[in-house]
Amino acid sequence: MRTLLIALAACFALTAPGRAASVDGLAIHSTSAGSGPAIIFVHGWTCDDSSWDAQVPAFSSNYQVITLDLPGHGQSEAPAADGFSIDLFAEAVEAVRAEAGAEKVVLVGHSMGGPVLRQYAIHHPEHVAGLVGVEGQLDMSGGPPPIPEPPLTLEMRENLIRSMFVDATPEPLRAHILSMMLGAPEATANGAMAAMLDPELQERHVIGAPTLLVVAGTSQLPDIAAMADVLPHAEAAQVAGTGHFLMMEKPDEFNALLRTFLEQRAAY
């Protein structure tokens, strides 16, 4: 009997699911692929971790590639309607990092993921090997991003999403993005949008980590000199011919920029 119990225990240990990261009692969905220095990919407003489908296989042969769904997004549990904040999102990232056991990480954040990276770097600088903002603001000291104030109707959300595309955005990609973003609950859409308008995000904090800001062809290349007092180790790049979802529209070009940053500037 004792031998049978030991065998059953061993079998259970092999098949039991891993521990789930959580923040404020909310279960956070995440994935991990590969091994090596860690990269955590953070999606944007009303998106999910499928935003990074073109990056996971490209980097998992040399890195531990981690994705997550922020609270209220994708498969992660949601806070109360008034519980959304960029700090909550940043702490969800920290919970996933701690769960993965990665001491230092490069954080890559798209759109709303930029402010999330900012908050993470302020609160957990010891774990940051580098920051990559993809169409996302890491320096918001000049004011909030140009976004509509909630509440947002479904029609307003759809019009906003469609404005993020360019003529060259493939139709299947448009369909995927629309389905993903319009599928997010109304509470998430409004709560996360309101979180980005928090005046606290506009306070000045120096972030000393190596930083790369990647913008779409429809955006203006950031003035690195003007933000040097906040991001003293930043550089910028632009991916021409893309809209807001540049890492999905031209993944090879974006991946090349990220790979160079990882190899030459990340401080693991």
Protein backbone atom coordinates (compact mmCIF):
# COMPACT_ATOMS: atom_id res chain seq x y z
CA MET A 1 0.00 0.00 0.00
CA ARG A 2 2.81 2.40 0.88
CA THR A 3 4.47 1.75 -2.50
CA LEU A 4 1.16 2.39 -4.28
CA LEU A 5 0.68 5.70 -2.43
CA ILE A 6 4.21 6.83 -3.32
CA ALA A 7 3.60 5.96 -6.96
CA LEU A 8 0.29 7.85 -6.98
CA ALA A 9 1.92 10.87 -5.34
CA ALA A 10 4.69 10.87 -7.92
CA CYS A 11 2.15 10.65 -10.73
CA PHE A 12 0.16 13.56 -9.29
CA ALA A 13 3.32 15.66 -8.96
CA LEU A 14 4.02 15.16 -12.65
CA THR A 15 0.53 16.03 -13.80
CA ALA A 16 -0.62 18.69 -11.32
CA PRO A 17 -1.00 22.16 -12.83
CA GLY A 18 1.62 24.74 -11.93
CA ARG A 19 0.90 27.51 -9.46
CA ALA A 20 -1.12 30.37 -10.90
CA ALA A 21 0.09 33.93 -10.39
CA SER A 22 -2.41 36.23 -8.70
CA VAL A 23 -2.71 39.87 -7.69
CA ASP A 24 -5.23 41.19 -5.16
CA GLY A 25 -6.82 37.75 -5.21
CA LEU A 26 -7.29 37.81 -9.00
CA ALA A 27 -5.93 34.85 -10.98
CA ILE A 28 -3.65 36.02 -13.79
CA HIS A 29 -3.34 33.99 -16.96
CA SER A 30 0.19 33.73 -18.32
CA THR A 31 2.27 31.56 -20.63
CA SER A 32 5.97 30.74 -20.69
CA ALA A 33 8.06 29.29 -23.51
CA GLY A 34 11.77 28.62 -23.87
CA SER A 35 14.58 29.22 -21.41
CA GLY A 36 17.30 31.77 -20.83
CA PRO A 37 17.11 35.50 -20.02
CA ALA A 38 13.46 36.47 -19.52
CA ILE A 39 11.26 38.74 -21.63
CA ILE A 40 7.77 39.68 -20.46
CA PHE A 41 5.37 40.92 -23.14
CA VAL A 42 2.57 43.22 -21.95
CA HIS A 43 -0.43 43.86 -24.22
CA GLY A 44 -2.46 47.04 -24.61
CA TRP A 45 -5.97 48.30 -23.87
CA THR A 46 -8.70 45.63 -24.33
CA CYS A 47 -6.17 43.28 -25.94
CA ASP A 48 -4.75 39.96 -24.73
CA ASP A 49 -1.56 37.93 -24.98
CA SER A 50 -2.31 36.88 -28.57
CA SER A 51 -0.94 40.33 -29.46
CA TRP A 52 2.49 38.68 -29.26
CA ASP A 53 1.89 35.54 -31.32
CA ALA A 54 4.57 36.61 -33.80
CA GLN A 55 7.14 37.22 -31.07
CA VAL A 56 6.87 34.09 -28.90
CA PRO A 57 8.30 31.61 -31.46
CA ALA A 58 10.84 34.16 -32.70
CA PHE A 59 12.51 34.53 -29.29
CA SER A 60 11.78 31.35 -27.31
CA SER A 61 14.79 29.51 -28.73
CA ASN A 62 17.15 31.86 -26.85
CA TYR A 63 15.00 33.44 -24.14
CA GLN A 64 12.32 32.62 -21.63
CA VAL A 65 9.35 34.31 -23.26
CA ILE A 66 6.49 35.18 -20.91
CA THR A 67 3.13 36.64 -21.89
CA LEU A 68 0.16 37.50 -19.69
CA ASP A 69 -3.38 38.78 -19.80
CA LEU A 70 -3.72 41.86 -17.60
CA PRO A 71 -6.54 41.86 -15.02
CA GLY A 72 -9.92 42.03 -16.74
CA HIS A 73 -8.41 41.06 -20.09
CA GLY A 74 -8.31 37.75 -21.91
CA GLN A 75 -8.40 34.81 -19.50
CA SER A 76 -7.42 36.75 -16.37
CA GLU A 77 -9.92 37.55 -13.64
CA ALA A 78 -11.28 41.08 -13.41
CA PRO A 79 -11.37 43.50 -10.49
CA ALA A 80 -14.47 45.44 -9.53
CA ALA A 81 -15.49 48.04 -12.09
CA ASP A 82 -13.82 50.78 -10.03
CA GLY A 83 -10.74 48.67 -9.29
CA PHE A 84 -8.81 49.13 -12.52
CA SER A 85 -5.50 50.96 -12.28
CA ILE A 86 -2.13 50.99 -13.98
CA ASP A 87 -0.60 50.06 -10.63
CA LEU A 88 -2.80 46.94 -10.52
CA PHE A 89 -1.60 46.01 -13.99
CA ALA A 90 2.04 46.57 -13.00
CA GLU A 91 1.62 44.35 -9.95
CA ALA A 92 0.10 41.65 -12.15
CA VAL A 93 3.32 41.76 -14.17
CA GLU A 94 5.33 41.47 -10.96
CA ALA A 95 3.26 38.47 -9.84
CA VAL A 96 3.98 36.73 -13.14
CA ARG A 97 7.69 37.58 -12.92
CA ALA A 98 7.90 36.20 -9.40
CA GLU A 99 5.99 33.07 -10.41
CA ALA A 100 8.47 32.50 -13.25
CA GLY A 101 11.43 32.95 -10.90
CA ALA A 102 13.12 35.40 -13.26
CA GLU A 103 15.37 37.80 -11.34
CA LYS A 104 15.85 40.28 -14.21
CA VAL A 105 13.49 40.81 -17.12
CA VAL A 106 13.18 42.90 -20.24
CA LEU A 107 9.64 44.25 -20.39
CA VAL A 108 7.99 44.90 -23.76
CA GLY A 109 4.74 46.86 -23.61
CA HIS A 110 2.35 47.80 -26.39
CA SER A 111 0.15 50.91 -26.20
CA MET A 112 -1.33 50.93 -22.66
CA GLY A 113 1.49 48.54 -21.84
CA GLY A 114 3.83 51.56 -21.94
CA PRO A 115 2.40 53.18 -18.79
CA VAL A 116 2.32 49.72 -17.21
CA LEU A 117 6.06 49.37 -17.86
CA ARG A 118 6.60 52.83 -16.39
CA GLN A 119 4.86 51.93 -13.16
CA TYR A 120 6.65 48.61 -12.97
CA ALA A 121 10.05 50.27 -13.41
CA ILE A 122 9.24 52.81 -10.68
CA HIS A 123 8.13 50.19 -8.16
CA HIS A 124 10.46 47.30 -9.08
CA PRO A 125 13.62 48.77 -10.64
CA GLU A 126 15.77 45.94 -9.29
CA HIS A 127 14.08 43.48 -11.66
CA VAL A 128 14.31 45.58 -14.84
CA ALA A 129 16.97 44.71 -17.41
CA GLY A 130 15.39 46.90 -20.07
CA LEU A 131 12.17 48.48 -21.29
CA VAL A 132 10.70 48.47 -24.79
CA GLY A 133 7.70 50.70 -25.40
CA VAL A 134 5.81 49.79 -28.57
CA GLU A 135 3.51 52.67 -29.48
CA GLY A 136 3.27 53.24 -25.73
CA GLN A 137 4.28 56.19 -23.55
CA LEU A 138 6.87 55.68 -20.83
CA ASP A 139 7.20 59.41 -20.18
CA MET A 140 3.78 60.92 -19.52
CA SER A 141 5.03 64.02 -17.72
CA GLY A 142 3.80 66.16 -20.59
CA GLY A 143 0.19 65.13 -20.05
CA PRO A 144 -2.13 62.19 -20.60
CA PRO A 145 -2.18 60.31 -23.89
CA PRO A 146 -4.70 61.53 -26.50
CA ILE A 147 -7.47 59.09 -25.61
CA PRO A 148 -11.23 59.53 -25.22
CA GLU A 149 -12.68 59.79 -21.74
CA PRO A 150 -15.04 57.01 -20.65
CA PRO A 151 -17.77 55.94 -20.79
CA LEU A 152 -17.28 54.46 -24.25
CA THR A 153 -20.06 52.88 -26.28
CA LEU A 154 -19.34 49.82 -28.40
CA GLU A 155 -19.59 52.02 -31.51
CA MET A 156 -17.02 54.46 -30.09
CA ARG A 157 -14.69 51.57 -29.30
CA GLU A 158 -14.99 50.16 -32.80
CA ASN A 159 -14.32 53.54 -34.42
CA LEU A 160 -11.28 54.02 -32.19
CA ILE A 161 -9.89 50.59 -33.08
CA ARG A 162 -10.43 51.09 -36.81
CA SER A 163 -8.52 54.38 -36.60
CA MET A 164 -5.47 52.38 -35.51
CA PHE A 165 -5.21 50.61 -38.88
CA VAL A 166 -3.50 51.78 -42.06
CA ASP A 167 -4.41 50.89 -45.64
CA ALA A 168 -1.78 48.14 -45.60
CA THR A 169 -3.13 46.43 -42.47
CA PRO A 170 -4.20 42.97 -43.72
CA GLU A 171 -7.91 42.21 -43.49
CA PRO A 172 -7.44 39.01 -41.43
CA LEU A 173 -5.35 40.97 -38.93
CA ARG A 174 -8.02 43.70 -38.74
CA ALA A 175 -10.64 41.04 -38.06
CA HIS A 176 -8.55 39.45 -35.30
CA ILE A 177 -7.84 42.77 -33.59
CA LEU A 178 -11.48 43.89 -33.76
CA SER A 179 -12.69 40.57 -32.36
CA MET A 180 -10.11 40.64 -29.56
CA MET A 181 -10.68 44.23 -28.50
CA LEU A 182 -14.45 44.40 -28.89
CA GLY A 183 -14.69 41.11 -27.02
CA ALA A 184 -13.37 42.74 -23.85
CA PRO A 185 -16.08 43.50 -21.26
CA GLU A 186 -17.49 47.01 -21.07
CA ALA A 187 -16.15 47.36 -17.52
CA THR A 188 -12.65 46.54 -18.74
CA ALA A 189 -12.84 48.96 -21.66
CA ASN A 190 -13.94 51.85 -19.46
CA GLY A 191 -11.95 50.95 -16.35
CA ALA A 192 -8.68 50.52 -18.20
CA MET A 193 -9.21 53.69 -20.23
CA ALA A 194 -9.91 55.68 -17.06
CA ALA A 195 -6.78 54.20 -15.48
CA MET A 196 -4.63 55.75 -18.21
CA LEU A 197 -6.00 59.19 -17.31
CA ASP A 198 -4.80 58.98 -13.69
CA PRO A 199 -2.94 62.26 -12.96
CA GLU A 200 -0.36 60.34 -10.91
CA LEU A 201 1.02 58.93 -14.15
CA GLN A 202 2.07 62.44 -15.16
CA GLU A 203 4.46 62.88 -12.23
CA ARG A 204 8.12 62.97 -13.17
CA HIS A 205 10.18 59.90 -12.30
CA VAL A 206 13.62 59.14 -13.66
CA ILE A 207 13.77 55.65 -15.15
CA GLY A 208 17.38 54.66 -15.57
CA ALA A 209 16.95 51.33 -17.36
CA PRO A 210 18.02 50.90 -20.98
CA THR A 211 14.98 51.85 -23.03
CA LEU A 212 13.82 51.45 -26.62
CA LEU A 213 10.78 53.31 -27.95
CA VAL A 214 9.37 51.84 -31.16
CA VAL A 215 6.67 53.77 -33.02
CA ALA A 216 4.51 53.11 -36.05
CA GLY A 217 4.80 54.81 -39.39
CA THR A 218 1.76 56.91 -38.49
CA SER A 219 3.41 58.26 -35.32
CA GLN A 220 6.04 60.91 -34.76
CA LEU A 221 9.50 59.71 -33.80
CA PRO A 222 10.02 60.64 -30.11
CA ASP A 223 12.36 63.51 -29.26
CA ILE A 224 14.86 61.57 -27.19
CA ALA A 225 16.80 64.68 -26.16
CA ALA A 226 13.65 66.30 -24.77
CA MET A 227 12.94 63.36 -22.48
CA ALA A 228 16.53 62.71 -21.41
CA ASP A 229 15.88 63.95 -17.88
CA VAL A 230 13.25 61.22 -17.42
CA LEU A 231 14.58 58.47 -19.72
CA PRO A 232 18.33 59.12 -19.81
CA HIS A 233 19.17 55.85 -21.58
CA ALA A 234 16.49 55.81 -24.27
CA GLU A 235 16.68 55.42 -28.02
CA ALA A 236 13.91 55.39 -30.60
CA ALA A 237 13.07 53.62 -33.84
CA GLN A 238 10.23 53.73 -36.33
CA VAL A 239 8.69 50.95 -38.42
CA ALA A 240 7.50 52.58 -41.64
CA GLY A 241 4.23 51.64 -43.28
CA THR A 242 2.56 50.41 -40.11
CA GLY A 243 -0.34 51.36 -37.91
CA HIS A 244 -0.72 51.02 -34.17
CA PHE A 245 -0.17 47.25 -34.14
CA LEU A 246 3.25 47.39 -35.78
CA MET A 247 4.58 44.21 -34.09
CA MET A 248 1.72 42.30 -35.73
CA GLU A 249 1.81 44.12 -39.08
CA LYS A 250 5.57 43.88 -39.68
CA PRO A 251 6.79 41.32 -37.15
CA ASP A 252 10.13 40.64 -38.86
CA GLU A 253 11.15 44.29 -38.73
CA PHE A 254 9.99 44.70 -35.15
CA ASN A 255 11.64 41.47 -34.06
CA ALA A 256 14.94 42.60 -35.57
CA LEU A 257 14.81 45.84 -33.55
CA LEU A 258 13.99 43.95 -30.36
CA ARG A 259 16.71 41.36 -30.95
CA THR A 260 19.34 44.08 -31.38
CA PHE A 261 18.19 45.73 -28.16
CA LEU A 262 18.33 42.45 -26.26
CA GLU A 263 21.79 41.60 -27.53
CA GLN A 264 23.40 45.01 -27.25
CA ARG A 265 21.65 46.99 -24.51
CA ALA A 266 19.71 44.78 -22.10
CA ALA A 267 21.31 44.76 -18.64
CA TYR A 268 20.57 41.21 -17.53
